[in-house]
C-alpha cells in the first residue's frame, strides 16, 4: 500500500467515516481521533483510525 493511502487528511477521514468535516476536526482537536500536525495541517494514520473504529465497535464512547 502506498503512503498516500497510509496518511489521511481530515477531509479524507470525514469521507471515510461519513461525518462532516467540522465534526471530524472536533474529534481530532479533542484527541478522540489520534492525529498529528504537519505545519498547520492535521493528518491521521489510517492504522490509528482503524484502531479508533475498533475501540468504538467494542463499546467505547466518544
N, C-alpha and C. Protein backbone atom coordinates (compact mmCIF):
# COMPACT_ATOMS: atom_id res chain seq x y z
N UNK A 1 0.86 -1.19 0.00
CA UNK A 1 0.00 0.00 0.00
C UNK A 1 0.89 1.24 0.00
N UNK A 2 0.59 2.20 -0.84
CA UNK A 2 1.39 3.41 -0.94
C UNK A 2 1.14 4.35 0.23
N UNK A 3 2.09 5.26 0.44
CA UNK A 3 1.96 6.21 1.54
C UNK A 3 0.71 7.07 1.43
N UNK A 4 0.28 7.35 0.21
CA UNK A 4 -0.91 8.19 0.03
C UNK A 4 -2.14 7.56 0.68
N UNK A 5 -2.13 6.24 0.86
CA UNK A 5 -3.25 5.57 1.50
C UNK A 5 -3.05 5.42 3.00
N UNK A 6 -1.80 5.54 3.46
CA UNK A 6 -1.47 5.34 4.87
C UNK A 6 -1.78 6.58 5.71
N UNK A 7 -1.60 7.75 5.12
CA UNK A 7 -1.80 9.02 5.82
C UNK A 7 -2.99 9.72 5.18
N UNK A 8 -3.93 10.15 6.03
CA UNK A 8 -5.17 10.74 5.52
C UNK A 8 -5.32 12.17 6.02
N UNK A 9 -5.94 13.01 5.20
CA UNK A 9 -6.30 14.36 5.62
C UNK A 9 -7.61 14.30 6.41
N UNK A 10 -7.94 15.38 7.09
CA UNK A 10 -9.21 15.44 7.82
C UNK A 10 -10.38 15.25 6.85
N UNK A 11 -10.28 15.83 5.67
CA UNK A 11 -11.34 15.67 4.66
C UNK A 11 -11.52 14.20 4.29
N UNK A 12 -10.42 13.50 4.09
CA UNK A 12 -10.49 12.08 3.75
C UNK A 12 -11.07 11.25 4.91
N UNK A 13 -10.67 11.60 6.14
CA UNK A 13 -11.20 10.90 7.31
C UNK A 13 -12.71 11.13 7.42
N UNK A 14 -13.13 12.38 7.19
CA UNK A 14 -14.56 12.70 7.25
C UNK A 14 -15.34 11.88 6.22
N UNK A 15 -14.82 11.79 5.01
CA UNK A 15 -15.48 10.99 3.97
C UNK A 15 -15.51 9.51 4.36
N UNK A 16 -14.40 9.01 4.88
CA UNK A 16 -14.28 7.61 5.27
C UNK A 16 -15.29 7.25 6.36
N UNK A 17 -15.46 8.17 7.34
CA UNK A 17 -16.37 7.93 8.46
C UNK A 17 -17.79 8.41 8.19
N UNK A 18 -18.00 9.05 7.03
CA UNK A 18 -19.31 9.62 6.69
C UNK A 18 -19.76 10.64 7.73
N UNK A 19 -18.83 11.52 8.11
CA UNK A 19 -19.10 12.60 9.05
C UNK A 19 -18.83 13.93 8.35
N UNK A 20 -19.31 15.01 8.95
CA UNK A 20 -18.96 16.32 8.42
C UNK A 20 -17.50 16.62 8.75
N UNK A 21 -16.89 17.51 7.97
CA UNK A 21 -15.52 17.90 8.26
C UNK A 21 -15.43 18.57 9.62
N UNK A 22 -16.45 19.37 9.98
CA UNK A 22 -16.43 20.08 11.27
C UNK A 22 -16.43 19.08 12.42
N UNK A 23 -17.27 18.06 12.35
CA UNK A 23 -17.31 17.04 13.40
C UNK A 23 -15.98 16.31 13.49
N UNK A 24 -15.40 16.02 12.33
CA UNK A 24 -14.12 15.31 12.29
C UNK A 24 -13.02 16.18 12.89
N UNK A 25 -12.99 17.48 12.55
CA UNK A 25 -12.00 18.39 13.14
C UNK A 25 -12.12 18.41 14.65
N UNK A 26 -13.34 18.45 15.16
CA UNK A 26 -13.54 18.47 16.62
C UNK A 26 -12.99 17.20 17.26
N UNK A 27 -13.26 16.04 16.65
CA UNK A 27 -12.75 14.77 17.18
C UNK A 27 -11.22 14.74 17.17
N UNK A 28 -10.62 15.28 16.11
CA UNK A 28 -9.16 15.32 16.01
C UNK A 28 -8.59 16.29 17.04
N UNK A 29 -9.16 17.49 17.12
CA UNK A 29 -8.63 18.51 18.03
C UNK A 29 -8.79 18.12 19.50
N UNK A 30 -9.83 17.36 19.81
CA UNK A 30 -10.06 16.90 21.18
C UNK A 30 -9.29 15.63 21.51
N UNK A 31 -8.54 15.13 20.54
CA UNK A 31 -7.73 13.94 20.76
C UNK A 31 -8.51 12.64 20.72
N UNK A 32 -9.75 12.69 20.29
CA UNK A 32 -10.55 11.46 20.21
C UNK A 32 -10.05 10.58 19.07
N UNK A 33 -9.76 11.21 17.92
CA UNK A 33 -9.13 10.50 16.81
C UNK A 33 -7.64 10.84 16.88
N UNK A 34 -6.77 9.82 17.00
CA UNK A 34 -5.33 10.11 17.06
C UNK A 34 -4.87 10.77 15.77
N UNK A 35 -4.19 11.90 15.89
CA UNK A 35 -3.74 12.65 14.72
C UNK A 35 -2.47 13.41 15.06
N UNK A 36 -1.84 13.94 14.05
CA UNK A 36 -0.64 14.75 14.25
C UNK A 36 -0.69 15.91 13.27
N UNK A 37 0.07 16.95 13.59
CA UNK A 37 0.09 18.14 12.75
C UNK A 37 1.38 18.23 11.96
N UNK A 38 1.25 18.59 10.71
CA UNK A 38 2.39 18.96 9.88
C UNK A 38 2.14 20.42 9.53
N UNK A 39 2.91 21.30 10.13
CA UNK A 39 2.63 22.73 9.98
C UNK A 39 1.27 23.01 10.60
N UNK A 40 0.36 23.55 9.81
CA UNK A 40 -0.99 23.86 10.30
C UNK A 40 -2.01 22.79 9.92
N UNK A 41 -1.54 21.72 9.30
CA UNK A 41 -2.45 20.72 8.75
C UNK A 41 -2.44 19.43 9.56
N UNK A 42 -3.63 18.97 9.92
CA UNK A 42 -3.77 17.71 10.64
C UNK A 42 -3.70 16.54 9.67
N UNK A 43 -3.07 15.46 10.13
CA UNK A 43 -3.01 14.22 9.38
C UNK A 43 -3.31 13.06 10.32
N UNK A 44 -3.89 12.00 9.76
CA UNK A 44 -4.27 10.82 10.54
C UNK A 44 -3.69 9.60 9.84
N UNK A 45 -3.03 8.74 10.64
CA UNK A 45 -2.56 7.47 10.08
C UNK A 45 -3.75 6.53 9.99
N UNK A 46 -3.88 5.89 8.86
CA UNK A 46 -5.04 5.02 8.66
C UNK A 46 -5.09 3.91 9.70
N UNK A 47 -3.93 3.37 10.10
CA UNK A 47 -3.95 2.31 11.11
C UNK A 47 -4.47 2.84 12.45
N UNK A 48 -4.16 4.10 12.79
CA UNK A 48 -4.69 4.71 14.02
C UNK A 48 -6.20 4.88 13.91
N UNK A 49 -6.66 5.28 12.74
CA UNK A 49 -8.10 5.44 12.51
C UNK A 49 -8.82 4.11 12.65
N UNK A 50 -8.22 3.06 12.10
CA UNK A 50 -8.84 1.73 12.21
C UNK A 50 -8.88 1.25 13.65
N UNK A 51 -7.84 1.56 14.44
CA UNK A 51 -7.84 1.22 15.87
C UNK A 51 -8.95 1.98 16.59
N UNK A 52 -9.13 3.26 16.24
CA UNK A 52 -10.20 4.08 16.81
C UNK A 52 -11.57 3.44 16.52
N UNK A 53 -11.76 3.00 15.29
CA UNK A 53 -13.03 2.36 14.89
C UNK A 53 -13.23 1.07 15.69
N UNK A 54 -12.18 0.28 15.87
CA UNK A 54 -12.29 -0.96 16.65
C UNK A 54 -12.69 -0.66 18.10
N UNK A 55 -12.12 0.41 18.69
CA UNK A 55 -12.49 0.78 20.06
C UNK A 55 -13.97 1.14 20.13
N UNK A 56 -14.47 1.86 19.12
CA UNK A 56 -15.89 2.20 19.09
C UNK A 56 -16.74 0.94 18.98
N UNK A 57 -16.31 0.01 18.16
CA UNK A 57 -17.05 -1.25 17.99
C UNK A 57 -17.09 -2.03 19.30
N UNK A 58 -16.08 -1.85 20.14
CA UNK A 58 -16.02 -2.53 21.42
C UNK A 58 -16.75 -1.77 22.53
N UNK A 59 -17.49 -0.73 22.13
CA UNK A 59 -18.35 -0.05 23.09
C UNK A 59 -17.79 1.23 23.69
N UNK A 60 -16.58 1.65 23.27
CA UNK A 60 -16.02 2.89 23.81
C UNK A 60 -16.85 4.08 23.33
N UNK A 61 -17.07 5.03 24.21
CA UNK A 61 -17.83 6.23 23.88
C UNK A 61 -16.89 7.35 23.48
N UNK A 62 -17.34 8.19 22.55
CA UNK A 62 -16.51 9.35 22.16
C UNK A 62 -17.14 10.62 22.66
